[in-house]
């Protein structure tokens, strides 16, 4: 076999394999779920426009995480959040 025949054979194989490969890719992409069905991303907490600054968004996310840790009785995580962000902790 010369070089031209090898290139022609590889080209023909690529054309014949293309439908199978694209079908496989479509099936594999449809099976992948980024989020489990019972957990969906919350887009309502994302900052929206100039009404909510970046700092207030971070604080609101910290409060939500802290409340979740407290509800799930994750004492170490809650304490770690307090130590990492001591200015967010309510005094008294």
N, C-alpha and C. Protein backbone atom coordinates (compact mmCIF):
# COMPACT_ATOMS: atom_id res chain seq x y z
N UNK A 1 0.84 -1.18 0.00
CA UNK A 1 0.00 0.00 0.00
C UNK A 1 0.88 1.24 0.00
N UNK A 2 0.50 2.16 -0.83
CA UNK A 2 1.25 3.41 -0.83
C UNK A 2 0.57 4.43 0.08
N UNK A 3 1.17 5.59 0.20
CA UNK A 3 0.69 6.62 1.11
C UNK A 3 -0.72 7.09 0.74
N UNK A 4 -1.00 7.25 -0.54
CA UNK A 4 -2.31 7.70 -0.98
C UNK A 4 -3.40 6.71 -0.58
N UNK A 5 -3.14 5.42 -0.72
CA UNK A 5 -4.12 4.41 -0.35
C UNK A 5 -4.39 4.41 1.16
N UNK A 6 -3.36 4.62 1.95
CA UNK A 6 -3.53 4.66 3.41
C UNK A 6 -4.37 5.87 3.81
N UNK A 7 -4.09 7.02 3.20
CA UNK A 7 -4.87 8.22 3.49
C UNK A 7 -6.31 8.04 3.05
N UNK A 8 -6.54 7.44 1.89
CA UNK A 8 -7.91 7.21 1.41
C UNK A 8 -8.64 6.24 2.33
N UNK A 9 -7.96 5.22 2.81
CA UNK A 9 -8.57 4.26 3.72
C UNK A 9 -8.94 4.92 5.05
N UNK A 10 -8.05 5.74 5.59
CA UNK A 10 -8.34 6.45 6.84
C UNK A 10 -9.48 7.44 6.67
N UNK A 11 -9.55 8.11 5.54
CA UNK A 11 -10.63 9.06 5.27
C UNK A 11 -11.96 8.32 5.18
N UNK A 12 -11.99 7.20 4.50
CA UNK A 12 -13.22 6.42 4.39
C UNK A 12 -13.65 5.90 5.75
N UNK A 13 -12.71 5.45 6.56
CA UNK A 13 -13.03 4.97 7.90
C UNK A 13 -13.60 6.10 8.76
N UNK A 14 -13.05 7.30 8.62
CA UNK A 14 -13.55 8.43 9.39
C UNK A 14 -14.97 8.78 8.98
N UNK A 15 -15.27 8.76 7.68
CA UNK A 15 -16.63 9.04 7.23
C UNK A 15 -17.61 7.97 7.68
N UNK A 16 -17.18 6.73 7.69
CA UNK A 16 -18.08 5.65 8.13
C UNK A 16 -18.28 5.65 9.64
N UNK A 17 -17.29 6.06 10.38
CA UNK A 17 -17.38 6.05 11.84
C UNK A 17 -18.09 7.28 12.39
N UNK A 18 -18.21 8.34 11.61
CA UNK A 18 -18.78 9.60 12.09
C UNK A 18 -20.18 9.46 12.66
N UNK A 19 -21.14 8.77 12.04
CA UNK A 19 -22.47 8.65 12.64
C UNK A 19 -22.45 7.92 13.98
N UNK A 20 -21.63 6.92 14.10
CA UNK A 20 -21.55 6.16 15.34
C UNK A 20 -20.95 7.00 16.46
N UNK A 21 -19.93 7.76 16.13
CA UNK A 21 -19.28 8.60 17.12
C UNK A 21 -20.22 9.71 17.58
N UNK A 22 -20.91 10.37 16.64
CA UNK A 22 -21.80 11.46 17.03
C UNK A 22 -22.98 10.93 17.85
N UNK A 23 -23.48 9.75 17.51
CA UNK A 23 -24.56 9.13 18.29
C UNK A 23 -24.09 8.81 19.70
N UNK A 24 -22.89 8.30 19.83
CA UNK A 24 -22.32 7.99 21.14
C UNK A 24 -22.16 9.26 21.97
N UNK A 25 -21.69 10.32 21.36
CA UNK A 25 -21.50 11.59 22.08
C UNK A 25 -22.84 12.14 22.55
N UNK A 26 -23.86 12.09 21.71
CA UNK A 26 -25.19 12.58 22.09
C UNK A 26 -25.74 11.79 23.27
N UNK A 27 -25.59 10.47 23.23
CA UNK A 27 -26.09 9.64 24.33
C UNK A 27 -25.33 9.91 25.62
N UNK A 28 -24.03 10.07 25.53
CA UNK A 28 -23.25 10.29 26.75
C UNK A 28 -23.54 11.66 27.35
N UNK A 29 -23.80 12.66 26.53
CA UNK A 29 -24.13 13.99 27.05
C UNK A 29 -25.51 14.02 27.67
N UNK A 30 -26.44 13.24 27.16
CA UNK A 30 -27.79 13.26 27.73
C UNK A 30 -27.84 12.53 29.07
N UNK A 31 -26.91 11.63 29.33
CA UNK A 31 -26.89 10.90 30.59
C UNK A 31 -26.24 11.68 31.72
N UNK A 32 -25.44 12.68 31.40
CA UNK A 32 -24.71 13.42 32.42
C UNK A 32 -25.62 14.48 33.02
N UNK A 33 -25.85 14.39 34.35
CA UNK A 33 -26.60 15.40 35.08
C UNK A 33 -25.64 16.17 35.94
N UNK A 34 -25.62 17.47 35.78
CA UNK A 34 -24.74 18.30 36.59
C UNK A 34 -25.23 18.30 38.03
N UNK A 35 -26.54 18.37 38.21
CA UNK A 35 -27.14 18.36 39.53
C UNK A 35 -28.06 17.15 39.65
N UNK A 36 -28.09 16.50 40.78
CA UNK A 36 -29.08 15.44 40.97
C UNK A 36 -30.48 16.01 40.82
N UNK A 37 -31.44 15.15 40.55
CA UNK A 37 -32.80 15.61 40.28
C UNK A 37 -33.43 16.31 41.46
N UNK A 38 -33.07 15.94 42.69
CA UNK A 38 -33.69 16.58 43.85
C UNK A 38 -32.97 17.86 44.26
N UNK A 39 -31.81 18.16 43.67
CA UNK A 39 -31.08 19.39 43.98
C UNK A 39 -30.92 20.18 42.70
N UNK A 40 -31.44 21.38 42.68
CA UNK A 40 -31.32 22.26 41.53
C UNK A 40 -30.55 23.50 41.94
N UNK A 41 -29.80 24.08 41.03
CA UNK A 41 -29.06 25.30 41.38
C UNK A 41 -30.02 26.44 41.66
N UNK A 42 -29.64 27.25 42.63
CA UNK A 42 -30.48 28.38 42.98
C UNK A 42 -29.95 29.62 42.28
N UNK A 43 -30.69 30.09 41.31
CA UNK A 43 -30.27 31.28 40.59
C UNK A 43 -30.85 32.54 41.22
N UNK A 44 -31.79 32.38 42.14
CA UNK A 44 -32.41 33.56 42.74
C UNK A 44 -31.47 34.28 43.69
N UNK A 45 -30.41 33.64 44.13
CA UNK A 45 -29.48 34.27 45.07
C UNK A 45 -28.35 35.00 44.38
N UNK A 46 -28.27 34.89 43.09
CA UNK A 46 -27.19 35.55 42.37
C UNK A 46 -27.41 37.06 42.41
N UNK A 47 -26.33 37.82 42.44
CA UNK A 47 -26.49 39.26 42.48
C UNK A 47 -27.21 39.75 41.23
N UNK A 48 -28.14 40.66 41.44
CA UNK A 48 -28.91 41.17 40.32
C UNK A 48 -28.81 42.68 40.27
N UNK A 49 -28.02 43.17 39.36
CA UNK A 49 -27.93 44.59 39.13
C UNK A 49 -27.22 45.35 40.24
N UNK A 50 -27.35 46.65 40.20
CA UNK A 50 -26.64 47.48 41.17
C UNK A 50 -27.25 47.49 42.56
N UNK A 51 -28.43 46.89 42.73
CA UNK A 51 -29.09 46.92 44.04
C UNK A 51 -28.31 46.12 45.07
N UNK A 52 -27.63 45.07 44.64
CA UNK A 52 -26.90 44.22 45.59
C UNK A 52 -25.42 44.24 45.22
N UNK A 53 -24.59 44.75 46.12
CA UNK A 53 -23.16 44.84 45.84
C UNK A 53 -22.50 43.48 46.06
N UNK A 54 -21.25 43.39 45.67
CA UNK A 54 -20.51 42.14 45.83
C UNK A 54 -20.35 41.78 47.29
N UNK A 55 -20.11 42.75 48.14
CA UNK A 55 -19.90 42.48 49.57
C UNK A 55 -21.18 41.95 50.20
N UNK A 56 -22.30 42.56 49.88
CA UNK A 56 -23.55 42.09 50.47
C UNK A 56 -23.91 40.70 49.97
N UNK A 57 -23.53 40.39 48.74
CA UNK A 57 -23.76 39.05 48.21
C UNK A 57 -22.93 38.01 48.98
N UNK A 58 -21.67 38.34 49.25
CA UNK A 58 -20.80 37.43 49.99
C UNK A 58 -21.35 37.22 51.40
N UNK A 59 -21.78 38.30 52.03
CA UNK A 59 -22.31 38.20 53.38
C UNK A 59 -23.58 37.35 53.39
N UNK A 60 -24.46 37.55 52.42
CA UNK A 60 -25.70 36.76 52.39
C UNK A 60 -25.40 35.28 52.15
N UNK A 61 -24.39 34.99 51.32
CA UNK A 61 -24.01 33.60 51.10
C UNK A 61 -23.40 32.99 52.35
N UNK A 62 -22.61 33.79 53.09
CA UNK A 62 -22.03 33.31 54.33
C UNK A 62 -23.12 33.00 55.34
N UNK A 63 -24.10 33.88 55.45
CA UNK A 63 -25.20 33.67 56.40
C UNK A 63 -25.98 32.41 56.03
N UNK A 64 -26.22 32.21 54.74
CA UNK A 64 -26.95 31.02 54.30
C UNK A 64 -26.16 29.75 54.62
N UNK A 65 -24.85 29.78 54.38
CA UNK A 65 -24.01 28.63 54.68
C UNK A 65 -23.96 28.37 56.18
N UNK A 66 -23.82 29.42 56.96
CA UNK A 66 -23.78 29.29 58.43
C UNK A 66 -25.09 28.71 58.95
N UNK A 67 -26.22 29.20 58.45
CA UNK A 67 -27.52 28.68 58.86
C UNK A 67 -27.68 27.21 58.47
N UNK A 68 -27.20 26.84 57.29
CA UNK A 68 -27.27 25.44 56.87
C UNK A 68 -26.42 24.55 57.77
N UNK A 69 -25.24 25.02 58.13
CA UNK A 69 -24.37 24.25 59.03
C UNK A 69 -25.03 24.10 60.40
N UNK A 70 -25.66 25.17 60.88
CA UNK A 70 -26.32 25.10 62.18
C UNK A 70 -27.52 24.15 62.14
N UNK A 71 -28.28 24.18 61.05
CA UNK A 71 -29.45 23.31 60.93
C UNK A 71 -29.05 21.84 60.85
N UNK A 72 -27.91 21.58 60.20
CA UNK A 72 -27.44 20.20 60.06
C UNK A 72 -26.57 19.75 61.23
N UNK A 73 -26.45 20.62 62.23
CA UNK A 73 -25.68 20.34 63.44
C UNK A 73 -24.21 20.05 63.13
N UNK A 74 -23.65 20.83 62.21
CA UNK A 74 -22.24 20.72 61.86
C UNK A 74 -21.47 21.78 62.66
N UNK A 75 -21.16 21.42 63.89
CA UNK A 75 -20.58 22.39 64.82
C UNK A 75 -19.17 22.81 64.41
N UNK A 76 -18.36 21.88 63.93
CA UNK A 76 -17.00 22.21 63.51
C UNK A 76 -17.02 23.18 62.33
N UNK A 77 -17.89 22.91 61.37
CA UNK A 77 -17.98 23.78 60.20
C UNK A 77 -18.47 25.17 60.60
N UNK A 78 -19.43 25.22 61.50
CA UNK A 78 -19.96 26.50 61.95
C UNK A 78 -18.89 27.30 62.69
N UNK A 79 -18.13 26.63 63.53
CA UNK A 79 -17.05 27.29 64.25
C UNK A 79 -15.96 27.76 63.29
N UNK A 80 -15.67 26.95 62.29
CA UNK A 80 -14.66 27.34 61.30
C UNK A 80 -15.12 28.57 60.52
N UNK A 81 -16.39 28.64 60.19
CA UNK A 81 -16.91 29.82 59.50
C UNK A 81 -16.77 31.06 60.38
N UNK A 82 -17.04 30.90 61.67
CA UNK A 82 -16.88 32.03 62.59
C UNK A 82 -15.43 32.49 62.68
N UNK A 83 -14.51 31.54 62.65
CA UNK A 83 -13.10 31.91 62.78
C UNK A 83 -12.55 32.49 61.48
N UNK A 84 -13.06 32.06 60.34
CA UNK A 84 -12.57 32.59 59.08
C UNK A 84 -13.12 33.99 58.82
N UNK A 85 -14.38 34.22 59.17
CA UNK A 85 -15.01 35.52 58.96
C UNK A 85 -15.50 36.07 60.29
N UNK A 86 -14.60 36.49 61.17
CA UNK A 86 -15.03 36.93 62.51
C UNK A 86 -15.87 38.21 62.48
N UNK A 87 -15.74 39.03 61.46
CA UNK A 87 -16.50 40.27 61.41
C UNK A 87 -17.98 40.04 61.08
N UNK A 88 -18.32 38.88 60.54
CA UNK A 88 -19.71 38.58 60.21
C UNK A 88 -20.49 38.08 61.42
N UNK A 89 -19.80 37.70 62.48
CA UNK A 89 -20.45 37.11 63.65
C UNK A 89 -21.15 38.21 64.43
N UNK A 90 -22.42 37.95 64.82
CA UNK A 90 -23.17 38.91 65.62
C UNK A 90 -22.61 38.93 67.04
N UNK A 91 -22.41 40.09 67.56
CA UNK A 91 -21.91 40.23 68.93
C UNK A 91 -23.09 40.37 69.88
N UNK A 92 -23.06 39.60 70.96
CA UNK A 92 -24.08 39.70 72.02
C UNK A 92 -25.37 39.25 71.60
